[in-house]
Amino acid sequence: MGELQIYLGKPQAALIACAEALRLNPRPPGWYFWIMGMAQISTGQYEEAVVSLSREETYGTGSREHLIAALALAGRLPEAQEEARLFLAGNPGWTIGELVANLPFRSMSAAQPFVDGWRLAGLPD
């Protein structure tokens, strides 16, 4: 539910869904933290998103693309650029435009924080 709420542009509802999921499953898989980090980016909680997306359970997975945005938006550009370098090494054809076109964001405004972070970090449009 949390991920759906992010794509619908309802990040506060996403945070509530994530908190409930963590309450119900105190030993969650890594993707719980990935979605929590996305919700935190969507609500402007960039440092909190860095913490969620840097957890051992999720770090180094596909969540790295969201960690890049969180770091950049938190003003931690050197770290964001290093994560971007590592991410692009494994995903050389990745572009912001292609990802956003293939994600089910209801509106561009829901995707904008991620796009802004990726651009700040220097990921390709």
PDB file of N, CA and C in Angstrom:
ATOM      1  N   MET A   1       0.820  -1.205   0.000  1.00  0.00           N
ATOM      2  CA  MET A   1       0.000   0.000   0.000  1.00  0.00           C
ATOM      3  C   MET A   1       0.862   1.267   0.000  1.00  0.00           C
ATOM      4  N   GLY A   2       1.980   1.197   0.697  1.00  0.00           N
ATOM      5  CA  GLY A   2       2.835   2.378   0.768  1.00  0.00           C
ATOM      6  C   GLY A   2       3.327   2.810  -0.596  1.00  0.00           C
ATOM      7  N   GLU A   3       3.779   1.862  -1.370  1.00  0.00           N
ATOM      8  CA  GLU A   3       4.289   2.197  -2.710  1.00  0.00           C
ATOM      9  C   GLU A   3       3.176   2.779  -3.578  1.00  0.00           C
ATOM     10  N   LEU A   4       2.005   2.188  -3.517  1.00  0.00           N
ATOM     11  CA  LEU A   4       0.868   2.694  -4.289  1.00  0.00           C
ATOM     12  C   LEU A   4       0.571   4.139  -3.910  1.00  0.00           C
ATOM     13  N   GLN A   5       0.578   4.432  -2.621  1.00  0.00           N
ATOM     14  CA  GLN A   5       0.281   5.792  -2.166  1.00  0.00           C
ATOM     15  C   GLN A   5       1.326   6.790  -2.676  1.00  0.00           C
ATOM     16  N   ILE A   6       2.573   6.367  -2.774  1.00  0.00           N
ATOM     17  CA  ILE A   6       3.617   7.248  -3.328  1.00  0.00           C
ATOM     18  C   ILE A   6       3.276   7.592  -4.769  1.00  0.00           C
ATOM     19  N   TYR A   7       2.958   6.579  -5.564  1.00  0.00           N
ATOM     20  CA  TYR A   7       2.654   6.807  -6.973  1.00  0.00           C
ATOM     21  C   TYR A   7       1.381   7.624  -7.166  1.00  0.00           C
ATOM     22  N   LEU A   8       0.453   7.536  -6.216  1.00  0.00           N
ATOM     23  CA  LEU A   8      -0.777   8.327  -6.290  1.00  0.00           C
ATOM     24  C   LEU A   8      -0.570   9.764  -5.838  1.00  0.00           C
ATOM     25  N   GLY A   9       0.620  10.062  -5.321  1.00  0.00           N
ATOM     26  CA  GLY A   9       0.897  11.409  -4.849  1.00  0.00           C
ATOM     27  C   GLY A   9       0.385  11.658  -3.449  1.00  0.00           C
ATOM     28  N   LYS A  10       0.293  10.601  -2.634  1.00  0.00           N
ATOM     29  CA  LYS A  10      -0.182  10.703  -1.251  1.00  0.00           C
ATOM     30  C   LYS A  10       0.911  10.208  -0.299  1.00  0.00           C
ATOM     31  N   PRO A  11       1.998  10.973  -0.192  1.00  0.00           N
ATOM     32  CA  PRO A  11       3.144  10.484   0.586  1.00  0.00           C
ATOM     33  C   PRO A  11       2.873  10.329   2.075  1.00  0.00           C
ATOM     34  N   GLN A  12       2.007  11.151   2.651  1.00  0.00           N
ATOM     35  CA  GLN A  12       1.705  10.984   4.079  1.00  0.00           C
ATOM     36  C   GLN A  12       1.003   9.652   4.314  1.00  0.00           C
ATOM     37  N   ALA A  13       0.090   9.285   3.416  1.00  0.00           N
ATOM     38  CA  ALA A  13      -0.583   7.989   3.522  1.00  0.00           C
ATOM     39  C   ALA A  13       0.428   6.859   3.349  1.00  0.00           C
ATOM     40  N   ALA A  14       1.433   7.080   2.503  1.00  0.00           N
ATOM     41  CA  ALA A  14       2.486   6.077   2.308  1.00  0.00           C
ATOM     42  C   ALA A  14       3.271   5.871   3.600  1.00  0.00           C
ATOM     43  N   LEU A  15       3.605   6.956   4.287  1.00  0.00           N
ATOM     44  CA  LEU A  15       4.338   6.835   5.557  1.00  0.00           C
ATOM     45  C   LEU A  15       3.517   6.073   6.592  1.00  0.00           C
ATOM     46  N   ILE A  16       2.228   6.335   6.636  1.00  0.00           N
ATOM     47  CA  ILE A  16       1.345   5.630   7.575  1.00  0.00           C
ATOM     48  C   ILE A  16       1.312   4.138   7.243  1.00  0.00           C
ATOM     49  N   ALA A  17       1.187   3.815   5.962  1.00  0.00           N
ATOM     50  CA  ALA A  17       1.160   2.410   5.543  1.00  0.00           C
ATOM     51  C   ALA A  17       2.483   1.720   5.881  1.00  0.00           C
ATOM     52  N   CYS A  18       3.593   2.420   5.676  1.00  0.00           N
ATOM     53  CA  CYS A  18       4.900   1.837   5.995  1.00  0.00           C
ATOM     54  C   CYS A  18       5.050   1.598   7.496  1.00  0.00           C
ATOM     55  N   ALA A  19       4.620   2.557   8.291  1.00  0.00           N
ATOM     56  CA  ALA A  19       4.705   2.401   9.750  1.00  0.00           C
ATOM     57  C   ALA A  19       3.870   1.208  10.202  1.00  0.00           C
ATOM     58  N   GLU A  20       2.695   1.042   9.633  1.00  0.00           N
ATOM     59  CA  GLU A  20       1.836  -0.091   9.987  1.00  0.00           C
ATOM     60  C   GLU A  20       2.475  -1.409   9.554  1.00  0.00           C
ATOM     61  N   ALA A  21       3.066  -1.434   8.370  1.00  0.00           N
ATOM     62  CA  ALA A  21       3.735  -2.651   7.892  1.00  0.00           C
ATOM     63  C   ALA A  21       4.887  -3.035   8.821  1.00  0.00           C
ATOM     64  N   LEU A  22       5.652  -2.063   9.249  1.00  0.00           N
ATOM     65  CA  LEU A  22       6.766  -2.333  10.169  1.00  0.00           C
ATOM     66  C   LEU A  22       6.270  -2.766  11.547  1.00  0.00           C
ATOM     67  N   ARG A  23       5.134  -2.237  11.964  1.00  0.00           N
ATOM     68  CA  ARG A  23       4.561  -2.655  13.245  1.00  0.00           C
ATOM     69  C   ARG A  23       4.129  -4.120  13.170  1.00  0.00           C
ATOM     70  N   LEU A  24       3.529  -4.498  12.047  1.00  0.00           N
ATOM     71  CA  LEU A  24       3.035  -5.858  11.899  1.00  0.00           C
ATOM     72  C   LEU A  24       4.143  -6.875  11.637  1.00  0.00           C
ATOM     73  N   ASN A  25       5.251  -6.421  11.078  1.00  0.00           N
ATOM     74  CA  ASN A  25       6.357  -7.323  10.759  1.00  0.00           C
ATOM     75  C   ASN A  25       7.655  -6.697  11.279  1.00  0.00           C
ATOM     76  N   PRO A  26       8.019  -6.986  12.506  1.00  0.00           N
ATOM     77  CA  PRO A  26       9.209  -6.351  13.085  1.00  0.00           C
ATOM     78  C   PRO A  26      10.534  -6.819  12.478  1.00  0.00           C
ATOM     79  N   ARG A  27      10.520  -7.858  11.654  1.00  0.00           N
ATOM     80  CA  ARG A  27      11.731  -8.319  10.940  1.00  0.00           C
ATOM     81  C   ARG A  27      11.458  -8.337   9.446  1.00  0.00           C
ATOM     82  N   PRO A  28      11.263  -7.168   8.884  1.00  0.00           N
ATOM     83  CA  PRO A  28      10.833  -7.090   7.488  1.00  0.00           C
ATOM     84  C   PRO A  28      11.963  -7.329   6.489  1.00  0.00           C
ATOM     85  N   PRO A  29      11.580  -7.686   5.270  1.00  0.00           N
ATOM     86  CA  PRO A  29      12.574  -7.763   4.206  1.00  0.00           C
ATOM     87  C   PRO A  29      13.038  -6.356   3.823  1.00  0.00           C
ATOM     88  N   GLY A  30      14.126  -6.286   3.094  1.00  0.00           N
ATOM     89  CA  GLY A  30      14.728  -5.007   2.735  1.00  0.00           C
ATOM     90  C   GLY A  30      13.830  -4.075   1.969  1.00  0.00           C
ATOM     91  N   TRP A  31      12.925  -4.625   1.171  1.00  0.00           N
ATOM     92  CA  TRP A  31      12.100  -3.735   0.354  1.00  0.00           C
ATOM     93  C   TRP A  31      11.150  -2.871   1.193  1.00  0.00           C
ATOM     94  N   TYR A  32      10.863  -3.240   2.427  1.00  0.00           N
ATOM     95  CA  TYR A  32      10.077  -2.370   3.302  1.00  0.00           C
ATOM     96  C   TYR A  32      10.800  -1.028   3.471  1.00  0.00           C
ATOM     97  N   PHE A  33      12.118  -1.093   3.679  1.00  0.00           N
ATOM     98  CA  PHE A  33      12.894   0.120   3.899  1.00  0.00           C
ATOM     99  C   PHE A  33      13.063   0.914   2.605  1.00  0.00           C
ATOM    100  N   TRP A  34      13.084   0.219   1.495  1.00  0.00           N
ATOM    101  CA  TRP A  34      13.143   0.867   0.180  1.00  0.00           C
ATOM    102  C   TRP A  34      11.896   1.738   0.008  1.00  0.00           C
ATOM    103  N   ILE A  35      10.739   1.172   0.263  1.00  0.00           N
ATOM    104  CA  ILE A  35       9.493   1.927   0.112  1.00  0.00           C
ATOM    105  C   ILE A  35       9.409   3.040   1.152  1.00  0.00           C
ATOM    106  N   MET A  36       9.831   2.753   2.386  1.00  0.00           N
ATOM    107  CA  MET A  36       9.851   3.790   3.413  1.00  0.00           C
ATOM    108  C   MET A  36      10.735   4.951   2.966  1.00  0.00           C
ATOM    109  N   GLY A  37      11.893   4.661   2.406  1.00  0.00           N
ATOM    110  CA  GLY A  37      12.776   5.714   1.916  1.00  0.00           C
ATOM    111  C   GLY A  37      12.144   6.533   0.809  1.00  0.00           C
ATOM    112  N   MET A  38      11.432   5.875  -0.084  1.00  0.00           N
ATOM    113  CA  MET A  38      10.729   6.597  -1.150  1.00  0.00           C
ATOM    114  C   MET A  38       9.681   7.534  -0.549  1.00  0.00           C
ATOM    115  N   ALA A  39       8.931   7.050   0.435  1.00  0.00           N
ATOM    116  CA  ALA A  39       7.915   7.883   1.083  1.00  0.00           C
ATOM    117  C   ALA A  39       8.567   9.064   1.793  1.00  0.00           C
ATOM    118  N   GLN A  40       9.705   8.828   2.419  1.00  0.00           N
ATOM    119  CA  GLN A  40      10.410   9.904   3.108  1.00  0.00           C
ATOM    120  C   GLN A  40      10.921  10.949   2.123  1.00  0.00           C
ATOM    121  N   ILE A  41      11.414  10.525   0.962  1.00  0.00           N
ATOM    122  CA  ILE A  41      11.820  11.488  -0.070  1.00  0.00           C
ATOM    123  C   ILE A  41      10.606  12.309  -0.492  1.00  0.00           C
ATOM    124  N   SER A  42       9.491  11.647  -0.699  1.00  0.00           N
ATOM    125  CA  SER A  42       8.277  12.323  -1.157  1.00  0.00           C
ATOM    126  C   SER A  42       7.762  13.357  -0.165  1.00  0.00           C
ATOM    127  N   THR A  43       8.090  13.190   1.109  1.00  0.00           N
ATOM    128  CA  THR A  43       7.628  14.139   2.131  1.00  0.00           C
ATOM    129  C   THR A  43       8.726  15.113   2.552  1.00  0.00           C
ATOM    130  N   GLY A  44       9.858  15.091   1.871  1.00  0.00           N
ATOM    131  CA  GLY A  44      10.932  16.025   2.177  1.00  0.00           C
ATOM    132  C   GLY A  44      11.803  15.625   3.350  1.00  0.00           C
ATOM    133  N   GLN A  45      11.686  14.387   3.804  1.00  0.00           N
ATOM    134  CA  GLN A  45      12.492  13.885   4.923  1.00  0.00           C
ATOM    135  C   GLN A  45      13.752  13.200   4.371  1.00  0.00           C
ATOM    136  N   TYR A  46      14.636  14.005   3.814  1.00  0.00           N
ATOM    137  CA  TYR A  46      15.758  13.459   3.051  1.00  0.00           C
ATOM    138  C   TYR A  46      16.771  12.717   3.917  1.00  0.00           C
ATOM    139  N   GLU A  47      17.130  13.266   5.051  1.00  0.00           N
ATOM    140  CA  GLU A  47      18.093  12.570   5.914  1.00  0.00           C
ATOM    141  C   GLU A  47      17.509  11.260   6.432  1.00  0.00           C
ATOM    142  N   GLU A  48      16.224  11.259   6.771  1.00  0.00           N
ATOM    143  CA  GLU A  48      15.571  10.030   7.208  1.00  0.00           C
ATOM    144  C   GLU A  48      15.567   8.996   6.085  1.00  0.00           C
ATOM    145  N   ALA A  49      15.358   9.478   4.855  1.00  0.00           N
ATOM    146  CA  ALA A  49      15.384   8.582   3.702  1.00  0.00           C
ATOM    147  C   ALA A  49      16.776   7.983   3.511  1.00  0.00           C
ATOM    148  N   VAL A  50      17.817   8.771   3.723  1.00  0.00           N
ATOM    149  CA  VAL A  50      19.186   8.253   3.620  1.00  0.00           C
ATOM    150  C   VAL A  50      19.377   7.110   4.620  1.00  0.00           C
ATOM    151  N   VAL A  51      18.890   7.301   5.839  1.00  0.00           N
ATOM    152  CA  VAL A  51      19.018   6.262   6.866  1.00  0.00           C
ATOM    153  C   VAL A  51      18.281   5.000   6.426  1.00  0.00           C
ATOM    154  N   SER A  52      17.036   5.147   5.974  1.00  0.00           N
ATOM    155  CA  SER A  52      16.248   3.980   5.550  1.00  0.00           C
ATOM    156  C   SER A  52      16.895   3.256   4.377  1.00  0.00           C
ATOM    157  N   LEU A  53      17.346   4.014   3.396  1.00  0.00           N
ATOM    158  CA  LEU A  53      17.888   3.422   2.170  1.00  0.00           C
ATOM    159  C   LEU A  53      19.325   2.929   2.321  1.00  0.00           C
ATOM    160  N   SER A  54      19.973   3.297   3.416  1.00  0.00           N
ATOM    161  CA  SER A  54      21.331   2.838   3.681  1.00  0.00           C
ATOM    162  C   SER A  54      21.368   1.608   4.583  1.00  0.00           C
ATOM    163  N   ARG A  55      20.228   1.171   5.049  1.00  0.00           N
ATOM    164  CA  ARG A  55      20.183   0.000   5.925  1.00  0.00           C
ATOM    165  C   ARG A  55      20.758  -1.216   5.215  1.00  0.00           C
ATOM    166  N   GLU A  56      21.385  -2.056   5.982  1.00  0.00           N
ATOM    167  CA  GLU A  56      22.003  -3.265   5.444  1.00  0.00           C
ATOM    168  C   GLU A  56      21.018  -4.097   4.618  1.00  0.00           C
ATOM    169  N   GLU A  57      19.767  -4.133   5.054  1.00  0.00           N
ATOM    170  CA  GLU A  57      18.764  -4.955   4.365  1.00  0.00           C
ATOM    171  C   GLU A  57      18.484  -4.514   2.937  1.00  0.00           C
ATOM    172  N   THR A  58      18.700  -3.251   2.635  1.00  0.00           N
ATOM    173  CA  THR A  58      18.355  -2.745   1.307  1.00  0.00           C
ATOM    174  C   THR A  58      19.526  -2.122   0.545  1.00  0.00           C
ATOM    175  N   TYR A  59      20.578  -1.705   1.245  1.00  0.00           N
ATOM    176  CA  TYR A  59      21.686  -1.028   0.563  1.00  0.00           C
ATOM    177  C   TYR A  59      22.309  -1.930  -0.495  1.00  0.00           C
ATOM    178  N   GLY A  60      22.588  -1.340  -1.634  1.00  0.00           N
ATOM    179  CA  GLY A  60      23.233  -2.077  -2.720  1.00  0.00           C
ATOM    180  C   GLY A  60      22.259  -2.795  -3.635  1.00  0.00           C
ATOM    181  N   THR A  61      20.970  -2.690  -3.347  1.00  0.00           N
ATOM    182  CA  THR A  61      19.957  -3.286  -4.222  1.00  0.00           C
ATOM    183  C   THR A  61      19.489  -2.208  -5.195  1.00  0.00           C
ATOM    184  N   GLY A  62      18.396  -2.450  -5.849  1.00  0.00           N
ATOM    185  CA  GLY A  62      17.830  -1.450  -6.750  1.00  0.00           C
ATOM    186  C   GLY A  62      17.426  -0.173  -6.043  1.00  0.00           C
ATOM    187  N   SER A  63      17.389  -0.219  -4.720  1.00  0.00           N
ATOM    188  CA  SER A  63      17.035   0.988  -3.960  1.00  0.00           C
ATOM    189  C   SER A  63      18.102   2.073  -4.072  1.00  0.00           C
ATOM    190  N   ARG A  64      19.250   1.707  -4.605  1.00  0.00           N
ATOM    191  CA  ARG A  64      20.344   2.683  -4.723  1.00  0.00           C
ATOM    192  C   ARG A  64      19.905   3.908  -5.531  1.00  0.00           C
ATOM    193  N   GLU A  65      19.058   3.712  -6.548  1.00  0.00           N
ATOM    194  CA  GLU A  65      18.647   4.872  -7.343  1.00  0.00           C
ATOM    195  C   GLU A  65      17.883   5.885  -6.486  1.00  0.00           C
ATOM    196  N   HIS A  66      17.181   5.414  -5.470  1.00  0.00           N
ATOM    197  CA  HIS A  66      16.478   6.330  -4.582  1.00  0.00           C
ATOM    198  C   HIS A  66      17.419   6.903  -3.518  1.00  0.00           C
ATOM    199  N   LEU A  67      18.402   6.137  -3.101  1.00  0.00           N
ATOM    200  CA  LEU A  67      19.414   6.650  -2.179  1.00  0.00           C
ATOM    201  C   LEU A  67      20.155   7.818  -2.824  1.00  0.00           C
ATOM    202  N   ILE A  68      20.432   7.717  -4.099  1.00  0.00           N
ATOM    203  CA  ILE A  68      21.104   8.803  -4.824  1.00  0.00           C
ATOM    204  C   ILE A  68      20.297  10.088  -4.692  1.00  0.00           C
ATOM    205  N   ALA A  69      18.993   9.996  -4.948  1.00  0.00           N
ATOM    206  CA  ALA A  69      18.129  11.180  -4.855  1.00  0.00           C
ATOM    207  C   ALA A  69      18.108  11.722  -3.434  1.00  0.00           C
ATOM    208  N   ALA A  70      17.977  10.830  -2.449  1.00  0.00           N
ATOM    209  CA  ALA A  70      17.919  11.272  -1.048  1.00  0.00           C
ATOM    210  C   ALA A  70      19.203  12.000  -0.642  1.00  0.00           C
ATOM    211  N   LEU A  71      20.338  11.438  -0.999  1.00  0.00           N
ATOM    212  CA  LEU A  71      21.620  12.079  -0.665  1.00  0.00           C
ATOM    213  C   LEU A  71      21.740  13.453  -1.319  1.00  0.00           C
ATOM    214  N   ALA A  72      21.393  13.525  -2.593  1.00  0.00           N
ATOM    215  CA  ALA A  72      21.506  14.797  -3.311  1.00  0.00           C
ATOM    216  C   ALA A  72      20.577  15.849  -2.702  1.00  0.00           C
ATOM    217  N   LEU A  73      19.342  15.462  -2.416  1.00  0.00           N
ATOM    218  CA  LEU A  73      18.381  16.407  -1.857  1.00  0.00           C
ATOM    219  C   LEU A  73      18.741  16.815  -0.429  1.00  0.00           C
ATOM    220  N   ALA A  74      19.483  15.958   0.270  1.00  0.00           N
ATOM    221  CA  ALA A  74      19.959  16.288   1.615  1.00  0.00           C
ATOM    222  C   ALA A  74      21.206  17.171   1.566  1.00  0.00           C
ATOM    223  N   GLY A  75      21.672  17.488   0.365  1.00  0.00           N
ATOM    224  CA  GLY A  75      22.850  18.336   0.224  1.00  0.00           C
ATOM    225  C   GLY A  75      24.163  17.587   0.340  1.00  0.00           C
ATOM    226  N   ARG A  76      24.103  16.289   0.226  1.00  0.00           N
ATOM    227  CA  ARG A  76      25.296  15.447   0.354  1.00  0.00           C
ATOM    228  C   ARG A  76      25.754  15.009  -1.048  1.00  0.00           C
ATOM    229  N   LEU A  77      26.094  16.003  -1.868  1.00  0.00           N
ATOM    230  CA  LEU A  77      26.392  15.752  -3.281  1.00  0.00           C
ATOM    231  C   LEU A  77      27.570  14.818  -3.537  1.00  0.00           C
ATOM    232  N   PRO A  78      28.690  14.938  -2.846  1.00  0.00           N
ATOM    233  CA  PRO A  78      29.781  13.990  -3.130  1.00  0.00           C
ATOM    234  C   PRO A  78      29.358  12.532  -2.917  1.00  0.00           C
ATOM    235  N   GLU A  79      28.599  12.275  -1.857  1.00  0.00           N
ATOM    236  CA  GLU A  79      28.119  10.910  -1.614  1.00  0.00           C
ATOM    237  C   GLU A  79      27.124  10.490  -2.689  1.00  0.00           C
ATOM    238  N   ALA A  80      26.240  11.413  -3.066  1.00  0.00           N
ATOM    239  CA  ALA A  80      25.257  11.119  -4.114  1.00  0.00           C
ATOM    240  C   ALA A  80      25.955  10.796  -5.426  1.00  0.00           C
ATOM    241  N   GLN A  81      26.969  11.555  -5.758  1.00  0.00           N
ATOM    242  CA  GLN A  81      27.700  11.328  -7.009  1.00  0.00           C
ATOM    243  C   GLN A  81      28.446   9.995  -6.986  1.00  0.00           C
ATOM    244  N   GLU A  82      28.971   9.614  -5.841  1.00  0.00           N
ATOM    245  CA  GLU A  82      29.652   8.314  -5.734  1.00  0.00           C
ATOM    246  C   GLU A  82      28.636   7.177  -5.884  1.00  0.00           C
ATOM    247  N   GLU A  83      27.486   7.298  -5.242  1.00  0.00           N
ATOM    248  CA  GLU A  83      26.440   6.278  -5.394  1.00  0.00           C
ATOM    249  C   GLU A  83      25.959   6.231  -6.848  1.00  0.00           C
ATOM    250  N   ALA A  84      25.873   7.394  -7.490  1.00  0.00           N
ATOM    251  CA  ALA A  84      25.468   7.441  -8.903  1.00  0.00           C
ATOM    252  C   ALA A  84      26.486   6.717  -9.776  1.00  0.00           C
ATOM    253  N   ARG A  85      27.764   6.922  -9.475  1.00  0.00           N
ATOM    254  CA  ARG A  85      28.818   6.238 -10.245  1.00  0.00           C
ATOM    255  C   ARG A  85      28.673   4.724 -10.101  1.00  0.00           C
ATOM    256  N   LEU A  86      28.481   4.261  -8.874  1.00  0.00           N
ATOM    257  CA  LEU A  86      28.316   2.821  -8.634  1.00  0.00           C
ATOM    258  C   LEU A  86      27.058   2.291  -9.320  1.00  0.00           C
ATOM    259  N   PHE A  87      25.978   3.053  -9.239  1.00  0.00           N
ATOM    260  CA  PHE A  87      24.714   2.637  -9.840  1.00  0.00           C
ATOM    261  C   PHE A  87      24.839   2.535 -11.365  1.00  0.00           C
ATOM    262  N   LEU A  88      25.426   3.559 -11.982  1.00  0.00           N
ATOM    263  CA  LEU A  88      25.544   3.566 -13.450  1.00  0.00           C
ATOM    264  C   LEU A  88      26.509   2.498 -13.957  1.00  0.00           C
ATOM    265  N   ALA A  89      27.462   2.091 -13.131  1.00  0.00           N
ATOM    266  CA  ALA A  89      28.377   1.013 -13.534  1.00  0.00           C
ATOM    267  C   ALA A  89      27.604  -0.275 -13.785  1.00  0.00           C
ATOM    268  N   GLY A  90      26.557  -0.487 -13.013  1.00  0.00           N
ATOM    269  CA  GLY A  90      25.741  -1.686 -13.188  1.00  0.00           C
ATOM    270  C   GLY A  90      24.524  -1.477 -14.065  1.00  0.00           C
ATOM    271  N   ASN A  91      24.228  -0.224 -14.392  1.00  0.00           N
ATOM    272  CA  ASN A  91      23.045   0.129 -15.190  1.00  0.00           C
ATOM    273  C   ASN A  91      23.424   1.199 -16.208  1.00  0.00           C
ATOM    274  N   PRO A  92      24.303   0.873 -17.154  1.00  0.00           N
ATOM    275  CA  PRO A  92      24.878   1.899 -18.028  1.00  0.00           C
ATOM    276  C   PRO A  92      23.881   2.622 -18.931  1.00  0.00           C
ATOM    277  N   GLY A  93      22.752   2.032 -19.243  1.00  0.00           N
ATOM    278  CA  GLY A  93      21.786   2.686 -20.129  1.00  0.00           C
ATOM    279  C   GLY A  93      20.672   3.414 -19.398  1.00  0.00           C
ATOM    280  N   TRP A  94      20.775   3.493 -18.068  1.00  0.00           N
ATOM    281  CA  TRP A  94      19.719   4.096 -17.261  1.00  0.00           C
ATOM    282  C   TRP A  94      19.601   5.586 -17.530  1.00  0.00           C
ATOM    283  N   THR A  95      18.357   6.073 -17.670  1.00  0.00           N
ATOM    284  CA  THR A  95      18.112   7.512 -17.786  1.00  0.00           C
ATOM    285  C   THR A  95      16.913   7.887 -16.925  1.00  0.00           C
ATOM    286  N   ILE A  96      16.899   9.116 -16.496  1.00  0.00           N
ATOM    287  CA  ILE A  96      15.792   9.626 -15.698  1.00  0.00           C
ATOM    288  C   ILE A  96      14.491   9.531 -16.484  1.00  0.00           C
ATOM    289  N   GLY A  97      14.526   9.999 -17.718  1.00  0.00           N
ATOM    290  CA  GLY A  97      13.313  10.021 -18.534  1.00  0.00           C
ATOM    291  C   GLY A  97      12.705   8.652 -18.736  1.00  0.00           C
ATOM    292  N   GLU A  98      13.554   7.673 -18.994  1.00  0.00           N
ATOM    293  CA  GLU A  98      13.042   6.315 -19.224  1.00  0.00           C
ATOM    294  C   GLU A  98      12.419   5.747 -17.961  1.00  0.00           C
ATOM    295  N   LEU A  99      13.070   5.958 -16.829  1.00  0.00           N
ATOM    296  CA  LEU A  99      12.525   5.432 -15.578  1.00  0.00           C
ATOM    297  C   LEU A  99      11.179   6.074 -15.262  1.00  0.00           C
ATOM    298  N   VAL A 100      11.117   7.403 -15.327  1.00  0.00           N
ATOM    299  CA  VAL A 100       9.877   8.098 -14.987  1.00  0.00           C
ATOM    300  C   VAL A 100       8.755   7.694 -15.943  1.00  0.00           C
ATOM    301  N   ALA A 101       9.078   7.508 -17.221  1.00  0.00           N
ATOM    302  CA  ALA A 101       8.059   7.102 -18.195  1.00  0.00           C
ATOM    303  C   ALA A 101       7.504   5.710 -17.892  1.00  0.00           C
ATOM    304  N   ASN A 102       8.294   4.884 -17.217  1.00  0.00           N
ATOM    305  CA  ASN A 102       7.875   3.507 -16.948  1.00  0.00           C
ATOM    306  C   ASN A 102       7.367   3.272 -15.531  1.00  0.00           C
ATOM    307  N   LEU A 103       7.396   4.293 -14.702  1.00  0.00           N
ATOM    308  CA  LEU A 103       6.839   4.163 -13.356  1.00  0.00           C
ATOM    309  C   LEU A 103       5.422   4.728 -13.354  1.00  0.00           C
ATOM    310  N   PRO A 104       4.557   4.175 -12.530  1.00  0.00           N
ATOM    311  CA  PRO A 104       3.148   4.584 -12.584  1.00  0.00           C
ATOM    312  C   PRO A 104       2.786   5.816 -11.755  1.00  0.00           C
ATOM    313  N   PHE A 105       3.618   6.857 -11.788  1.00  0.00           N
ATOM    314  CA  PHE A 105       3.266   8.078 -11.066  1.00  0.00           C
ATOM    315  C   PHE A 105       2.007   8.666 -11.678  1.00  0.00           C
ATOM    316  N   ARG A 106       1.052   9.014 -10.819  1.00  0.00           N
ATOM    317  CA  ARG A 106      -0.200   9.602 -11.292  1.00  0.00           C
ATOM    318  C   ARG A 106       0.059  10.961 -11.934  1.00  0.00           C
ATOM    319  N   SER A 107       1.006  11.695 -11.382  1.00  0.00           N
ATOM    320  CA  SER A 107       1.328  13.012 -11.919  1.00  0.00           C
ATOM    321  C   SER A 107       2.826  13.242 -11.827  1.00  0.00           C
ATOM    322  N   MET A 108       3.289  14.148 -12.637  1.00  0.00           N
ATOM    323  CA  MET A 108       4.708  14.472 -12.622  1.00  0.00           C
ATOM    324  C   MET A 108       5.100  15.100 -11.289  1.00  0.00           C
ATOM    325  N   SER A 109       4.168  15.773 -10.617  1.00  0.00           N
ATOM    326  CA  SER A 109       4.511  16.390  -9.336  1.00  0.00           C
ATOM    327  C   SER A 109       4.891  15.341  -8.297  1.00  0.00           C
ATOM    328  N   ALA A 110       4.297  14.141  -8.384  1.00  0.00           N
ATOM    329  CA  ALA A 110       4.658  13.068  -7.449  1.00  0.00           C
ATOM    330  C   ALA A 110       6.063  12.549  -7.735  1.00  0.00           C
ATOM    331  N   ALA A 111       6.480  12.594  -8.981  1.00  0.00           N
ATOM    332  CA  ALA A 111       7.808  12.118  -9.367  1.00  0.00           C
ATOM    333  C   ALA A 111       8.885  13.182  -9.200  1.00  0.00           C
ATOM    334  N   GLN A 112       8.496  14.445  -9.085  1.00  0.00           N
ATOM    335  CA  GLN A 112       9.449  15.548  -9.139  1.00  0.00           C
ATOM    336  C   GLN A 112      10.567  15.494  -8.105  1.00  0.00           C
ATOM    337  N   PRO A 113      10.306  15.135  -6.842  1.00  0.00           N
ATOM    338  CA  PRO A 113      11.438  15.095  -5.898  1.00  0.00           C
ATOM    339  C   PRO A 113      12.529  14.119  -6.341  1.00  0.00           C
ATOM    340  N   PHE A 114      12.130  12.983  -6.879  1.00  0.00           N
ATOM    341  CA  PHE A 114      13.103  11.992  -7.336  1.00  0.00           C
ATOM    342  C   PHE A 114      13.895  12.545  -8.524  1.00  0.00           C
ATOM    343  N   VAL A 115      13.187  13.133  -9.480  1.00  0.00           N
ATOM    344  CA  VAL A 115      13.832  13.714 -10.664  1.00  0.00           C
ATOM    345  C   VAL A 115      14.817  14.800 -10.243  1.00  0.00           C
ATOM    346  N   ASP A 116      14.384  15.663  -9.338  1.00  0.00           N
ATOM    347  CA  ASP A 116      15.270  16.747  -8.872  1.00  0.00           C
ATOM    348  C   ASP A 116      16.543  16.183  -8.235  1.00  0.00           C
ATOM    349  N   GLY A 117      16.386  15.158  -7.402  1.00  0.00           N
ATOM    350  CA  GLY A 117      17.544  14.552  -6.756  1.00  0.00           C
ATOM    351  C   GLY A 117      18.486  13.897  -7.746  1.00  0.00           C
ATOM    352  N   TRP A 118      17.916  13.162  -8.689  1.00  0.00           N
ATOM    353  CA  TRP A 118      18.759  12.496  -9.688  1.00  0.00           C
ATOM    354  C   TRP A 118      19.517  13.501 -10.537  1.00  0.00           C
ATOM    355  N   ARG A 119      18.852  14.603 -10.894  1.00  0.00           N
ATOM    356  CA  ARG A 119      19.537  15.647 -11.681  1.00  0.00           C
ATOM    357  C   ARG A 119      20.646  16.305 -10.863  1.00  0.00           C
ATOM    358  N   LEU A 120      20.372  16.587  -9.592  1.00  0.00           N
ATOM    359  CA  LEU A 120      21.409  17.174  -8.734  1.00  0.00           C
ATOM    360  C   LEU A 120      22.643  16.284  -8.660  1.00  0.00           C
ATOM    361  N   ALA A 121      22.421  14.970  -8.639  1.00  0.00           N
ATOM    362  CA  ALA A 121      23.523  14.020  -8.546  1.00  0.00           C
ATOM    363  C   ALA A 121      24.230  13.822  -9.885  1.00  0.00           C
ATOM    364  N   GLY A 122      23.668  14.347 -10.956  1.00  0.00           N
ATOM    365  CA  GLY A 122      24.308  14.253 -12.265  1.00  0.00           C
ATOM    366  C   GLY A 122      23.933  13.038 -13.066  1.00  0.00           C
ATOM    367  N   LEU A 123      22.814  12.368 -12.705  1.00  0.00           N
ATOM    368  CA  LEU A 123      22.380  11.217 -13.510  1.00  0.00           C
ATOM    369  C   LEU A 123      21.853  11.706 -14.849  1.00  0.00           C
ATOM    370  N   PRO A 124      21.987  10.895 -15.889  1.00  0.00           N
ATOM    371  CA  PRO A 124      21.595  11.339 -17.229  1.00  0.00           C
ATOM    372  C   PRO A 124      20.081  11.471 -17.403  1.00  0.00           C
ATOM    373  N   ASP A 125      19.696  12.544 -18.119  1.00  0.00           N
ATOM    374  CA  ASP A 125      18.277  12.747 -18.439  1.00  0.00           C
ATOM    375  C   ASP A 125      17.848  11.755 -19.491  1.00  0.00           C
TER     376      ASP A 125
END
